[in-house]
Amino acid sequence: MFESLASIGIHLKNILGKAGRCLVVTDTHVWPLHGERLQRALQSVGWEPQVRAVDPGEESKSTQTLDDLYEWALSLEVERATAVLAFGGGVVGDLTGYFAATLLRGVPLVQVPTTLVAQVDSSTGGKTGINHPRGKNLIGAFYRPKLVLSDVSLLHTLSEDDWLSGLSETIKHALIADSGLFSDLSEDWADVLTRRSENLVDLVRRSASVKIRTVAQDEFESGIRMHLNFGHTFGHAIEQVAGYGVISHGRAVAAGMTAATFLSARYTDNLAVDTILEPLAALCPPEWRKLDAARIVEAMTNDKKRSDGRTRFVLLRQPGDAYVTADVDPRLVLESIHRAQQ
């Protein structure tokens, strides 16, 4: 739901029946900005939040950070009814979700996303996990939150990089499933980029609804949910080759979508390539163009979406019409990366 942060305590109480102690996992960047608002909203209806702030960035999605959270929670003698709130962006959401899924074999999880990436994408899908040296999000679980509460006002404090990362996921949702949303985003793109669009709240809601509808049809990613990985097969490999945390996830996905668009054009006639690439151009991080394309292809061999030893790609027929295939010529994959890096 898209509501003010002030309502979180009431909603949590309605879901769990009564207020009490709860755990809040956040990061050291988000908490100084918005922590007082969250604490006030929880305490006003009787919640007693216990707070743990991790370091921001992908490095925190690790077994070491996870072990620290387990030790903290167990020292507080938590119970299976103790709610865990993820208060932050995608990293906090992924980490905290897996923490909640595995603590005492599962405790109630609430996602309170504070970034655009998390509000339109990562908080709503039930995917949780941590990274491994062999790849991103290779250790994790599907675990549904009891509640997702998004307050769009929190987005005004985002850095430029975080904003652009979120727009990458917004564009992705439009490209795979909502051509009307893609047209509206493209038409209003200059104002969306600078956060001046009068339609911003509506565009964020519509983007999130694509994710919610898709997950509702395919919770465990055996069919249409795979479309949400458009740009991710390339993007995760780009993150790995650059070094986790060097390029933000969303902007790596933007670069990945650019490569996937060139690859799509080799298998689909009359794809509107220029129309797709125009908004993506502002989202791609310049440093990715210096990465070794062959290493990116090699990194794809560790992608968790591989099947029967082959890498699966999400490609486009047109904006709003995606499909999945593993029948791709590896030479064209390399070629697509080279073209996208130009």
C-alpha atoms as a PDB file:
ATOM      1  CA  MET A   1       0.000   0.000   0.000  1.00  0.00           C
ATOM      2  CA  PHE A   2       1.043   3.593  -0.668  1.00  0.00           C
ATOM      3  CA  GLU A   3       0.412   5.580   2.506  1.00  0.00           C
ATOM      4  CA  SER A   4       2.133   7.888   4.974  1.00  0.00           C
ATOM      5  CA  LEU A   5       4.767   6.354   7.210  1.00  0.00           C
ATOM      6  CA  ALA A   6       2.708   7.599  10.143  1.00  0.00           C
ATOM      7  CA  SER A   7       0.198   4.785   9.571  1.00  0.00           C
ATOM      8  CA  ILE A   8       2.676   1.894   9.897  1.00  0.00           C
ATOM      9  CA  GLY A   9       2.035   1.203  13.587  1.00  0.00           C
ATOM     10  CA  ILE A  10      -1.729   0.944  13.148  1.00  0.00           C
ATOM     11  CA  HIS A  11      -1.473  -1.371  10.141  1.00  0.00           C
ATOM     12  CA  LEU A  12       1.043  -3.583  11.917  1.00  0.00           C
ATOM     13  CA  LYS A  13      -1.224  -3.796  14.947  1.00  0.00           C
ATOM     14  CA  ASN A  14      -4.195  -4.760  12.749  1.00  0.00           C
ATOM     15  CA  ILE A  15      -2.192  -7.567  11.140  1.00  0.00           C
ATOM     16  CA  LEU A  16      -0.613  -9.037  14.272  1.00  0.00           C
ATOM     17  CA  GLY A  17      -3.431  -8.386  16.717  1.00  0.00           C
ATOM     18  CA  LYS A  18      -1.567  -6.456  19.367  1.00  0.00           C
ATOM     19  CA  ALA A  19       1.421  -4.187  19.763  1.00  0.00           C
ATOM     20  CA  GLY A  20       4.632  -5.263  21.470  1.00  0.00           C
ATOM     21  CA  ARG A  21       8.316  -5.525  20.774  1.00  0.00           C
ATOM     22  CA  CYS A  22       9.432  -5.515  17.137  1.00  0.00           C
ATOM     23  CA  LEU A  23      12.778  -5.573  15.372  1.00  0.00           C
ATOM     24  CA  VAL A  24      13.780  -2.910  12.875  1.00  0.00           C
ATOM     25  CA  VAL A  25      16.665  -3.545  10.485  1.00  0.00           C
ATOM     26  CA  THR A  26      17.824  -0.433   8.644  1.00  0.00           C
ATOM     27  CA  ASP A  27      21.126   1.071   7.500  1.00  0.00           C
ATOM     28  CA  THR A  28      23.309   3.869   8.787  1.00  0.00           C
ATOM     29  CA  HIS A  29      22.271   6.165   5.944  1.00  0.00           C
ATOM     30  CA  VAL A  30      18.481   5.753   6.145  1.00  0.00           C
ATOM     31  CA  TRP A  31      18.088   5.797   9.921  1.00  0.00           C
ATOM     32  CA  PRO A  32      19.424   9.344  10.549  1.00  0.00           C
ATOM     33  CA  LEU A  33      17.148  10.628   7.756  1.00  0.00           C
ATOM     34  CA  HIS A  34      13.876   8.899   8.579  1.00  0.00           C
ATOM     35  CA  GLY A  35      14.336   6.873  11.759  1.00  0.00           C
ATOM     36  CA  GLU A  36      12.694   9.361  14.083  1.00  0.00           C
ATOM     37  CA  ARG A  37       9.522   9.344  11.969  1.00  0.00           C
ATOM     38  CA  LEU A  38       9.346   5.543  12.032  1.00  0.00           C
ATOM     39  CA  GLN A  39       9.995   5.328  15.774  1.00  0.00           C
ATOM     40  CA  ARG A  40       7.332   7.922  16.487  1.00  0.00           C
ATOM     41  CA  ALA A  41       4.794   6.113  14.291  1.00  0.00           C
ATOM     42  CA  LEU A  42       5.454   2.783  16.029  1.00  0.00           C
ATOM     43  CA  GLN A  43       5.655   4.043  19.610  1.00  0.00           C
ATOM     44  CA  SER A  44       2.473   6.103  19.265  1.00  0.00           C
ATOM     45  CA  VAL A  45       0.392   2.911  19.213  1.00  0.00           C
ATOM     46  CA  GLY A  46       2.395   0.875  21.716  1.00  0.00           C
ATOM     47  CA  TRP A  47       5.186  -0.751  19.691  1.00  0.00           C
ATOM     48  CA  GLU A  48       8.648  -1.093  21.238  1.00  0.00           C
ATOM     49  CA  PRO A  49      11.106  -1.018  18.315  1.00  0.00           C
ATOM     50  CA  GLN A  50      14.573  -2.540  18.730  1.00  0.00           C
ATOM     51  CA  VAL A  51      16.808  -1.102  16.014  1.00  0.00           C
ATOM     52  CA  ARG A  52      19.857  -2.491  14.222  1.00  0.00           C
ATOM     53  CA  ALA A  53      21.558  -0.403  11.525  1.00  0.00           C
ATOM     54  CA  VAL A  54      23.891  -2.152   9.078  1.00  0.00           C
ATOM     55  CA  ASP A  55      26.348  -0.533   6.689  1.00  0.00           C
ATOM     56  CA  PRO A  56      24.730   0.641   3.428  1.00  0.00           C
ATOM     57  CA  GLY A  57      25.609  -1.142   0.204  1.00  0.00           C
ATOM     58  CA  GLU A  58      25.767  -4.623  -1.297  1.00  0.00           C
ATOM     59  CA  GLU A  59      28.616  -5.656   1.014  1.00  0.00           C
ATOM     60  CA  SER A  60      26.065  -6.006   3.819  1.00  0.00           C
ATOM     61  CA  LYS A  61      24.258  -8.791   1.973  1.00  0.00           C
ATOM     62  CA  SER A  62      26.725 -11.283   3.427  1.00  0.00           C
ATOM     63  CA  THR A  63      26.842 -14.255   5.774  1.00  0.00           C
ATOM     64  CA  GLN A  64      28.789 -12.165   8.288  1.00  0.00           C
ATOM     65  CA  THR A  65      26.091  -9.475   8.493  1.00  0.00           C
ATOM     66  CA  LEU A  66      23.426 -12.172   8.658  1.00  0.00           C
ATOM     67  CA  ASP A  67      25.212 -13.888  11.561  1.00  0.00           C
ATOM     68  CA  ASP A  68      25.430 -10.558  13.387  1.00  0.00           C
ATOM     69  CA  LEU A  69      21.673 -10.107  12.995  1.00  0.00           C
ATOM     70  CA  TYR A  70      20.971 -13.619  14.286  1.00  0.00           C
ATOM     71  CA  GLU A  71      23.141 -12.992  17.358  1.00  0.00           C
ATOM     72  CA  TRP A  72      21.420  -9.671  18.027  1.00  0.00           C
ATOM     73  CA  ALA A  73      17.916 -11.109  17.669  1.00  0.00           C
ATOM     74  CA  LEU A  74      18.561 -14.237  19.706  1.00  0.00           C
ATOM     75  CA  SER A  75      20.139 -12.179  22.493  1.00  0.00           C
ATOM     76  CA  LEU A  76      16.820 -10.318  22.702  1.00  0.00           C
ATOM     77  CA  GLU A  77      15.021 -13.655  23.150  1.00  0.00           C
ATOM     78  CA  VAL A  78      12.667 -13.042  20.238  1.00  0.00           C
ATOM     79  CA  GLU A  79       9.653 -15.245  19.614  1.00  0.00           C
ATOM     80  CA  ARG A  80       7.999 -16.465  16.436  1.00  0.00           C
ATOM     81  CA  ALA A  81       5.386 -13.711  16.774  1.00  0.00           C
ATOM     82  CA  THR A  82       8.055 -10.976  16.874  1.00  0.00           C
ATOM     83  CA  ALA A  83       7.708  -8.813  13.761  1.00  0.00           C
ATOM     84  CA  VAL A  84      10.774  -7.799  11.757  1.00  0.00           C
ATOM     85  CA  LEU A  85      10.650  -4.554   9.782  1.00  0.00           C
ATOM     86  CA  ALA A  86      12.964  -3.913   6.830  1.00  0.00           C
ATOM     87  CA  PHE A  87      13.379  -0.130   6.731  1.00  0.00           C
ATOM     88  CA  GLY A  88      15.546   0.845   3.793  1.00  0.00           C
ATOM     89  CA  GLY A  89      16.269   0.124   0.159  1.00  0.00           C
ATOM     90  CA  GLY A  90      16.725  -3.089  -1.770  1.00  0.00           C
ATOM     91  CA  VAL A  91      19.801  -4.254   0.142  1.00  0.00           C
ATOM     92  CA  VAL A  92      18.092  -3.900   3.516  1.00  0.00           C
ATOM     93  CA  GLY A  93      14.940  -5.504   2.141  1.00  0.00           C
ATOM     94  CA  ASP A  94      16.741  -8.529   0.688  1.00  0.00           C
ATOM     95  CA  LEU A  95      18.922  -9.051   3.746  1.00  0.00           C
ATOM     96  CA  THR A  96      16.155  -8.525   6.284  1.00  0.00           C
ATOM     97  CA  GLY A  97      13.737 -10.678   4.338  1.00  0.00           C
ATOM     98  CA  TYR A  98      16.108 -13.637   4.414  1.00  0.00           C
ATOM     99  CA  PHE A  99      16.858 -12.946   8.068  1.00  0.00           C
ATOM    100  CA  ALA A 100      13.131 -13.039   8.884  1.00  0.00           C
ATOM    101  CA  ALA A 101      12.564 -16.126   6.729  1.00  0.00           C
ATOM    102  CA  THR A 102      15.217 -18.117   8.570  1.00  0.00           C
ATOM    103  CA  LEU A 103      15.052 -16.715  12.121  1.00  0.00           C
ATOM    104  CA  LEU A 104      13.192 -19.317  14.251  1.00  0.00           C
ATOM    105  CA  ARG A 105      12.164 -20.836  10.881  1.00  0.00           C
ATOM    106  CA  GLY A 106      10.190 -17.740  10.012  1.00  0.00           C
ATOM    107  CA  VAL A 107       8.896 -14.636  11.796  1.00  0.00           C
ATOM    108  CA  PRO A 108       6.480 -11.962  10.459  1.00  0.00           C
ATOM    109  CA  LEU A 109       8.142  -9.686   7.904  1.00  0.00           C
ATOM    110  CA  VAL A 110       7.128  -6.105   7.086  1.00  0.00           C
ATOM    111  CA  GLN A 111       8.751  -4.180   4.247  1.00  0.00           C
ATOM    112  CA  VAL A 112       8.966  -0.393   4.589  1.00  0.00           C
ATOM    113  CA  PRO A 113      10.912   0.593   1.440  1.00  0.00           C
ATOM    114  CA  THR A 114      12.634   3.973   1.343  1.00  0.00           C
ATOM    115  CA  THR A 115      14.051   3.960  -2.212  1.00  0.00           C
ATOM    116  CA  LEU A 116      12.367   3.975  -5.615  1.00  0.00           C
ATOM    117  CA  VAL A 117      13.927   0.607  -6.519  1.00  0.00           C
ATOM    118  CA  ALA A 118      12.453  -0.947  -3.414  1.00  0.00           C
ATOM    119  CA  GLN A 119       9.044   0.724  -3.704  1.00  0.00           C
ATOM    120  CA  VAL A 120       8.417  -0.335  -7.303  1.00  0.00           C
ATOM    121  CA  ASP A 121      10.251  -3.650  -7.293  1.00  0.00           C
ATOM    122  CA  SER A 122      12.237  -5.436  -4.616  1.00  0.00           C
ATOM    123  CA  SER A 123       9.923  -5.018  -1.623  1.00  0.00           C
ATOM    124  CA  THR A 124       6.862  -6.527  -3.286  1.00  0.00           C
ATOM    125  CA  GLY A 125       8.051  -9.791  -4.817  1.00  0.00           C
ATOM    126  CA  GLY A 126       8.790 -11.982  -1.813  1.00  0.00           C
ATOM    127  CA  LYS A 127      12.359 -12.667  -2.969  1.00  0.00           C
ATOM    128  CA  THR A 128      14.970 -12.468  -0.219  1.00  0.00           C
ATOM    129  CA  GLY A 129      18.651 -13.283  -0.110  1.00  0.00           C
ATOM    130  CA  ILE A 130      22.316 -12.485   0.243  1.00  0.00           C
ATOM    131  CA  ASN A 131      25.222 -12.464  -2.190  1.00  0.00           C
ATOM    132  CA  HIS A 132      27.967 -15.030  -2.739  1.00  0.00           C
ATOM    133  CA  PRO A 133      31.375 -14.480  -4.352  1.00  0.00           C
ATOM    134  CA  ARG A 134      30.113 -16.536  -7.310  1.00  0.00           C
ATOM    135  CA  GLY A 135      27.128 -14.291  -7.917  1.00  0.00           C
ATOM    136  CA  LYS A 136      24.412 -11.986  -6.673  1.00  0.00           C
ATOM    137  CA  ASN A 137      21.483 -13.309  -4.599  1.00  0.00           C
ATOM    138  CA  LEU A 138      22.561 -16.940  -4.961  1.00  0.00           C
ATOM    139  CA  ILE A 139      21.542 -17.704  -1.355  1.00  0.00           C
ATOM    140  CA  GLY A 140      17.988 -16.859  -0.384  1.00  0.00           C
ATOM    141  CA  ALA A 141      14.345 -17.818  -0.104  1.00  0.00           C
ATOM    142  CA  PHE A 142      10.901 -16.865  -1.334  1.00  0.00           C
ATOM    143  CA  TYR A 143       9.227 -15.281   1.698  1.00  0.00           C
ATOM    144  CA  ARG A 144       6.164 -13.078   1.518  1.00  0.00           C
ATOM    145  CA  PRO A 145       5.941  -9.976   3.713  1.00  0.00           C
ATOM    146  CA  LYS A 146       2.830  -9.526   5.833  1.00  0.00           C
ATOM    147  CA  LEU A 147       2.736  -5.887   4.786  1.00  0.00           C
ATOM    148  CA  VAL A 148       4.473  -3.528   2.352  1.00  0.00           C
ATOM    149  CA  LEU A 149       4.022   0.153   3.137  1.00  0.00           C
ATOM    150  CA  SER A 150       5.506   2.704   0.740  1.00  0.00           C
ATOM    151  CA  ASP A 151       5.613   6.407   1.535  1.00  0.00           C
ATOM    152  CA  VAL A 152       6.545   8.282  -1.651  1.00  0.00           C
ATOM    153  CA  SER A 153       7.582  11.352   0.366  1.00  0.00           C
ATOM    154  CA  LEU A 154      10.665   9.406   1.508  1.00  0.00           C
ATOM    155  CA  LEU A 155      11.991   9.498  -2.057  1.00  0.00           C
ATOM    156  CA  HIS A 156      12.795  13.204  -1.931  1.00  0.00           C
ATOM    157  CA  THR A 157      15.983  12.539   0.061  1.00  0.00           C
ATOM    158  CA  LEU A 158      17.393  10.034  -2.446  1.00  0.00           C
ATOM    159  CA  SER A 159      20.718  10.686  -4.102  1.00  0.00           C
ATOM    160  CA  GLU A 160      20.763  11.169  -7.863  1.00  0.00           C
ATOM    161  CA  ASP A 161      22.258   7.703  -8.333  1.00  0.00           C
ATOM    162  CA  ASP A 162      19.565   6.072  -6.211  1.00  0.00           C
ATOM    163  CA  TRP A 163      16.851   7.929  -8.111  1.00  0.00           C
ATOM    164  CA  LEU A 164      18.202   6.826 -11.480  1.00  0.00           C
ATOM    165  CA  SER A 165      18.512   3.262 -10.184  1.00  0.00           C
ATOM    166  CA  GLY A 166      14.849   3.264  -9.294  1.00  0.00           C
ATOM    167  CA  LEU A 167      13.835   4.679 -12.644  1.00  0.00           C
ATOM    168  CA  SER A 168      15.606   1.730 -14.277  1.00  0.00           C
ATOM    169  CA  GLU A 169      13.216  -0.692 -12.589  1.00  0.00           C
ATOM    170  CA  THR A 170      10.283   1.571 -13.427  1.00  0.00           C
ATOM    171  CA  ILE A 171      11.204   1.538 -17.115  1.00  0.00           C
ATOM    172  CA  LYS A 172      11.738  -2.228 -16.931  1.00  0.00           C
ATOM    173  CA  HIS A 173       8.201  -2.847 -15.711  1.00  0.00           C
ATOM    174  CA  ALA A 174       6.802  -0.711 -18.495  1.00  0.00           C
ATOM    175  CA  LEU A 175       8.884  -2.456 -21.160  1.00  0.00           C
ATOM    176  CA  ILE A 176       7.902  -5.975 -20.167  1.00  0.00           C
ATOM    177  CA  ALA A 177       4.202  -5.531 -19.451  1.00  0.00           C
ATOM    178  CA  ASP A 178       2.695  -2.061 -19.885  1.00  0.00           C
ATOM    179  CA  SER A 179       3.221  -0.230 -23.173  1.00  0.00           C
ATOM    180  CA  GLY A 180       0.916   2.568 -21.981  1.00  0.00           C
ATOM    181  CA  LEU A 181       3.102   3.179 -18.944  1.00  0.00           C
ATOM    182  CA  PHE A 182       6.170   3.208 -21.189  1.00  0.00           C
ATOM    183  CA  SER A 183       4.554   5.814 -23.450  1.00  0.00           C
ATOM    184  CA  ASP A 184       3.586   7.991 -20.472  1.00  0.00           C
ATOM    185  CA  LEU A 185       7.055   7.723 -18.938  1.00  0.00           C
ATOM    186  CA  SER A 186       8.709   8.582 -22.256  1.00  0.00           C
ATOM    187  CA  GLU A 187       6.419  11.565 -22.816  1.00  0.00           C
ATOM    188  CA  ASP A 188       7.109  12.953 -19.339  1.00  0.00           C
ATOM    189  CA  TRP A 189      10.712  11.751 -19.161  1.00  0.00           C
ATOM    190  CA  ALA A 190      12.498  15.086 -18.677  1.00  0.00           C
ATOM    191  CA  ASP A 191      10.351  15.934 -15.648  1.00  0.00           C
ATOM    192  CA  VAL A 192      10.498  12.381 -14.293  1.00  0.00           C
ATOM    193  CA  LEU A 193      14.297  12.473 -14.388  1.00  0.00           C
ATOM    194  CA  THR A 194      14.358  15.663 -12.338  1.00  0.00           C
ATOM    195  CA  ARG A 195      11.512  14.591  -9.988  1.00  0.00           C
ATOM    196  CA  ARG A 196       9.322  17.479 -11.180  1.00  0.00           C
ATOM    197  CA  SER A 197       6.613  15.372 -12.812  1.00  0.00           C
ATOM    198  CA  GLU A 198       3.098  16.063 -11.536  1.00  0.00           C
ATOM    199  CA  ASN A 199       2.302  12.414 -12.300  1.00  0.00           C
ATOM    200  CA  LEU A 200       5.118  10.978 -10.211  1.00  0.00           C
ATOM    201  CA  VAL A 201       3.024   9.249  -7.538  1.00  0.00           C
ATOM    202  CA  ASP A 202       0.762   7.733 -10.197  1.00  0.00           C
ATOM    203  CA  LEU A 203       3.737   6.486 -12.244  1.00  0.00           C
ATOM    204  CA  VAL A 204       5.313   4.880  -9.159  1.00  0.00           C
ATOM    205  CA  ARG A 205       2.031   3.175  -8.265  1.00  0.00           C
ATOM    206  CA  ARG A 206       1.542   1.897 -11.817  1.00  0.00           C
ATOM    207  CA  SER A 207       5.062   0.530 -11.958  1.00  0.00           C
ATOM    208  CA  ALA A 208       4.647  -1.258  -8.636  1.00  0.00           C
ATOM    209  CA  SER A 209       1.331  -2.700  -9.828  1.00  0.00           C
ATOM    210  CA  VAL A 210       3.112  -4.440 -12.723  1.00  0.00           C
ATOM    211  CA  LYS A 211       5.335  -6.241 -10.229  1.00  0.00           C
ATOM    212  CA  ILE A 212       2.428  -7.110  -7.936  1.00  0.00           C
ATOM    213  CA  ARG A 213       0.268  -8.482 -10.780  1.00  0.00           C
ATOM    214  CA  THR A 214       3.135 -10.531 -12.155  1.00  0.00           C
ATOM    215  CA  VAL A 215       4.069 -12.052  -8.802  1.00  0.00           C
ATOM    216  CA  ALA A 216       0.418 -12.863  -8.085  1.00  0.00           C
ATOM    217  CA  GLN A 217       0.342 -14.952 -11.277  1.00  0.00           C
ATOM    218  CA  ASP A 218       3.653 -16.728 -10.673  1.00  0.00           C
ATOM    219  CA  GLU A 219       4.989 -16.562  -7.114  1.00  0.00           C
ATOM    220  CA  PHE A 220       7.911 -18.963  -7.553  1.00  0.00           C
ATOM    221  CA  GLU A 221       9.185 -17.746 -10.932  1.00  0.00           C
ATOM    222  CA  SER A 222       8.287 -20.715 -13.125  1.00  0.00           C
ATOM    223  CA  GLY A 223       6.601 -18.725 -15.884  1.00  0.00           C
ATOM    224  CA  ILE A 224       5.657 -15.107 -16.495  1.00  0.00           C
ATOM    225  CA  ARG A 225       7.556 -13.841 -13.451  1.00  0.00           C
ATOM    226  CA  MET A 226      10.759 -14.541 -15.347  1.00  0.00           C
ATOM    227  CA  HIS A 227       9.911 -11.467 -17.451  1.00  0.00           C
ATOM    228  CA  LEU A 228      10.842  -9.343 -14.433  1.00  0.00           C
ATOM    229  CA  ASN A 229      14.440 -10.379 -15.075  1.00  0.00           C
ATOM    230  CA  PHE A 230      14.636  -8.260 -18.235  1.00  0.00           C
ATOM    231  CA  GLY A 231      18.121  -6.733 -18.163  1.00  0.00           C
ATOM    232  CA  HIS A 232      19.065  -8.659 -15.030  1.00  0.00           C
ATOM    233  CA  THR A 233      21.027 -11.485 -16.637  1.00  0.00           C
ATOM    234  CA  PHE A 234      23.353  -8.873 -18.105  1.00  0.00           C
ATOM    235  CA  GLY A 235      22.985  -6.555 -15.111  1.00  0.00           C
ATOM    236  CA  HIS A 236      23.964  -9.025 -12.402  1.00  0.00           C
ATOM    237  CA  ALA A 237      27.036  -9.995 -14.420  1.00  0.00           C
ATOM    238  CA  ILE A 238      27.942  -6.318 -14.834  1.00  0.00           C
ATOM    239  CA  GLU A 239      27.708  -5.818 -11.056  1.00  0.00           C
ATOM    240  CA  GLN A 240      29.910  -8.844 -10.430  1.00  0.00           C
ATOM    241  CA  VAL A 241      32.603  -7.834 -12.927  1.00  0.00           C
ATOM    242  CA  ALA A 242      32.654  -4.240 -11.688  1.00  0.00           C
ATOM    243  CA  GLY A 243      32.761  -5.436  -8.055  1.00  0.00           C
ATOM    244  CA  TYR A 244      29.650  -5.399  -5.894  1.00  0.00           C
ATOM    245  CA  GLY A 245      28.784  -1.884  -4.836  1.00  0.00           C
ATOM    246  CA  VAL A 246      30.785  -0.118  -7.544  1.00  0.00           C
ATOM    247  CA  ILE A 247      27.756   0.165  -9.850  1.00  0.00           C
ATOM    248  CA  SER A 248      24.320   0.312  -8.254  1.00  0.00           C
ATOM    249  CA  HIS A 249      21.944  -2.533  -9.034  1.00  0.00           C
ATOM    250  CA  GLY A 250      19.373  -0.437 -10.864  1.00  0.00           C
ATOM    251  CA  ARG A 251      21.878   1.288 -13.109  1.00  0.00           C
ATOM    252  CA  ALA A 252      23.562  -2.034 -13.890  1.00  0.00           C
ATOM    253  CA  VAL A 253      20.113  -3.264 -14.936  1.00  0.00           C
ATOM    254  CA  ALA A 254      19.748  -0.185 -17.173  1.00  0.00           C
ATOM    255  CA  ALA A 255      22.983  -1.160 -18.900  1.00  0.00           C
ATOM    256  CA  GLY A 256      21.721  -4.740 -19.041  1.00  0.00           C
ATOM    257  CA  MET A 257      18.438  -3.649 -20.614  1.00  0.00           C
ATOM    258  CA  THR A 258      20.390  -1.716 -23.245  1.00  0.00           C
ATOM    259  CA  ALA A 259      22.334  -4.870 -24.158  1.00  0.00           C
ATOM    260  CA  ALA A 260      19.155  -6.973 -24.018  1.00  0.00           C
ATOM    261  CA  THR A 261      17.441  -4.529 -26.387  1.00  0.00           C
ATOM    262  CA  PHE A 262      20.226  -4.903 -28.960  1.00  0.00           C
ATOM    263  CA  LEU A 263      20.023  -8.684 -28.525  1.00  0.00           C
ATOM    264  CA  SER A 264      16.238  -8.571 -28.918  1.00  0.00           C
ATOM    265  CA  ALA A 265      16.620  -6.710 -32.196  1.00  0.00           C
ATOM    266  CA  ARG A 266      18.616  -9.627 -33.633  1.00  0.00           C
ATOM    267  CA  TYR A 267      15.637 -11.944 -33.094  1.00  0.00           C
ATOM    268  CA  THR A 268      12.698  -9.593 -33.722  1.00  0.00           C
ATOM    269  CA  ASP A 269      12.018  -7.542 -36.836  1.00  0.00           C
ATOM    270  CA  ASN A 270      10.912  -3.925 -36.485  1.00  0.00           C
ATOM    271  CA  LEU A 271      11.700  -3.580 -32.781  1.00  0.00           C
ATOM    272  CA  ALA A 272      11.497   0.100 -31.786  1.00  0.00           C
ATOM    273  CA  VAL A 273      15.135   0.133 -30.628  1.00  0.00           C
ATOM    274  CA  ASP A 274      15.677   3.898 -30.646  1.00  0.00           C
ATOM    275  CA  THR A 275      12.437   4.512 -28.727  1.00  0.00           C
ATOM    276  CA  ILE A 276      13.542   2.056 -26.037  1.00  0.00           C
ATOM    277  CA  LEU A 277      17.122   3.277 -25.811  1.00  0.00           C
ATOM    278  CA  GLU A 278      16.263   6.969 -25.481  1.00  0.00           C
ATOM    279  CA  PRO A 279      15.169   6.888 -21.800  1.00  0.00           C
ATOM    280  CA  LEU A 280      17.752   4.229 -20.932  1.00  0.00           C
ATOM    281  CA  ALA A 281      20.623   6.446 -22.108  1.00  0.00           C
ATOM    282  CA  ALA A 282      20.341   8.705 -19.053  1.00  0.00           C
ATOM    283  CA  LEU A 283      20.294   5.743 -16.663  1.00  0.00           C
ATOM    284  CA  CYS A 284      23.351   3.769 -17.790  1.00  0.00           C
ATOM    285  CA  PRO A 285      26.454   4.350 -15.628  1.00  0.00           C
ATOM    286  CA  PRO A 286      29.373   5.573 -17.766  1.00  0.00           C
ATOM    287  CA  GLU A 287      31.903   3.346 -15.978  1.00  0.00           C
ATOM    288  CA  TRP A 288      30.291   0.147 -17.251  1.00  0.00           C
ATOM    289  CA  ARG A 289      31.508   0.911 -20.772  1.00  0.00           C
ATOM    290  CA  LYS A 290      35.072   0.210 -19.627  1.00  0.00           C
ATOM    291  CA  LEU A 291      34.288  -3.309 -18.414  1.00  0.00           C
ATOM    292  CA  ASP A 292      35.576  -6.345 -20.312  1.00  0.00           C
ATOM    293  CA  ALA A 293      32.636  -7.670 -22.333  1.00  0.00           C
ATOM    294  CA  ALA A 294      34.075 -11.201 -22.390  1.00  0.00           C
ATOM    295  CA  ARG A 295      34.228 -11.230 -18.593  1.00  0.00           C
ATOM    296  CA  ILE A 296      30.598 -10.131 -18.435  1.00  0.00           C
ATOM    297  CA  VAL A 297      29.618 -13.074 -20.637  1.00  0.00           C
ATOM    298  CA  GLU A 298      31.667 -15.418 -18.460  1.00  0.00           C
ATOM    299  CA  ALA A 299      29.987 -14.101 -15.304  1.00  0.00           C
ATOM    300  CA  MET A 300      26.611 -15.020 -16.774  1.00  0.00           C
ATOM    301  CA  THR A 301      27.476 -18.707 -16.378  1.00  0.00           C
ATOM    302  CA  ASN A 302      26.824 -18.305 -12.637  1.00  0.00           C
ATOM    303  CA  ASP A 303      23.384 -16.801 -13.184  1.00  0.00           C
ATOM    304  CA  LYS A 304      20.806 -18.541 -10.987  1.00  0.00           C
ATOM    305  CA  LYS A 305      18.278 -18.445 -13.824  1.00  0.00           C
ATOM    306  CA  ARG A 306      20.238 -20.926 -15.946  1.00  0.00           C
ATOM    307  CA  SER A 307      18.363 -24.047 -17.037  1.00  0.00           C
ATOM    308  CA  ASP A 308      19.841 -27.252 -18.472  1.00  0.00           C
ATOM    309  CA  GLY A 309      23.238 -25.578 -18.529  1.00  0.00           C
ATOM    310  CA  ARG A 310      22.016 -22.697 -20.712  1.00  0.00           C
ATOM    311  CA  THR A 311      21.546 -19.056 -19.812  1.00  0.00           C
ATOM    312  CA  ARG A 312      18.002 -17.787 -20.198  1.00  0.00           C
ATOM    313  CA  PHE A 313      17.410 -14.286 -21.508  1.00  0.00           C
ATOM    314  CA  VAL A 314      14.348 -12.079 -21.334  1.00  0.00           C
ATOM    315  CA  LEU A 315      13.920 -10.346 -24.687  1.00  0.00           C
ATOM    316  CA  LEU A 316      11.372  -7.954 -26.199  1.00  0.00           C
ATOM    317  CA  ARG A 317       9.117  -8.219 -29.213  1.00  0.00           C
ATOM    318  CA  GLN A 318       7.966  -4.642 -28.596  1.00  0.00           C
ATOM    319  CA  PRO A 319       7.528  -2.422 -25.511  1.00  0.00           C
ATOM    320  CA  GLY A 320       5.036  -4.199 -23.282  1.00  0.00           C
ATOM    321  CA  ASP A 321       5.645  -7.616 -24.872  1.00  0.00           C
ATOM    322  CA  ALA A 322       8.457  -9.759 -23.398  1.00  0.00           C
ATOM    323  CA  TYR A 323       9.423 -13.423 -23.698  1.00  0.00           C
ATOM    324  CA  VAL A 324      12.042 -15.822 -22.293  1.00  0.00           C
ATOM    325  CA  THR A 325      14.459 -17.874 -24.360  1.00  0.00           C
ATOM    326  CA  ALA A 326      17.660 -19.856 -23.918  1.00  0.00           C
ATOM    327  CA  ASP A 327      18.041 -20.291 -27.678  1.00  0.00           C
ATOM    328  CA  VAL A 328      20.538 -17.466 -28.116  1.00  0.00           C
ATOM    329  CA  ASP A 329      23.787 -17.430 -30.067  1.00  0.00           C
ATOM    330  CA  PRO A 330      26.628 -16.624 -27.597  1.00  0.00           C
ATOM    331  CA  ARG A 331      28.334 -14.570 -30.306  1.00  0.00           C
ATOM    332  CA  LEU A 332      25.311 -12.290 -30.465  1.00  0.00           C
ATOM    333  CA  VAL A 333      25.369 -11.881 -26.674  1.00  0.00           C
ATOM    334  CA  LEU A 334      28.938 -10.602 -26.857  1.00  0.00           C
ATOM    335  CA  GLU A 335      28.071  -8.424 -29.829  1.00  0.00           C
ATOM    336  CA  SER A 336      25.126  -6.898 -27.964  1.00  0.00           C
ATOM    337  CA  ILE A 337      27.338  -5.930 -25.029  1.00  0.00           C
ATOM    338  CA  HIS A 338      29.844  -4.303 -27.363  1.00  0.00           C
ATOM    339  CA  ARG A 339      27.081  -2.313 -29.100  1.00  0.00           C
ATOM    340  CA  ALA A 340      25.587  -1.231 -25.770  1.00  0.00           C
ATOM    341  CA  GLN A 341      28.978  -0.033 -24.533  1.00  0.00           C
ATOM    342  CA  GLN A 342      29.502   2.286 -27.500  1.00  0.00           C
END
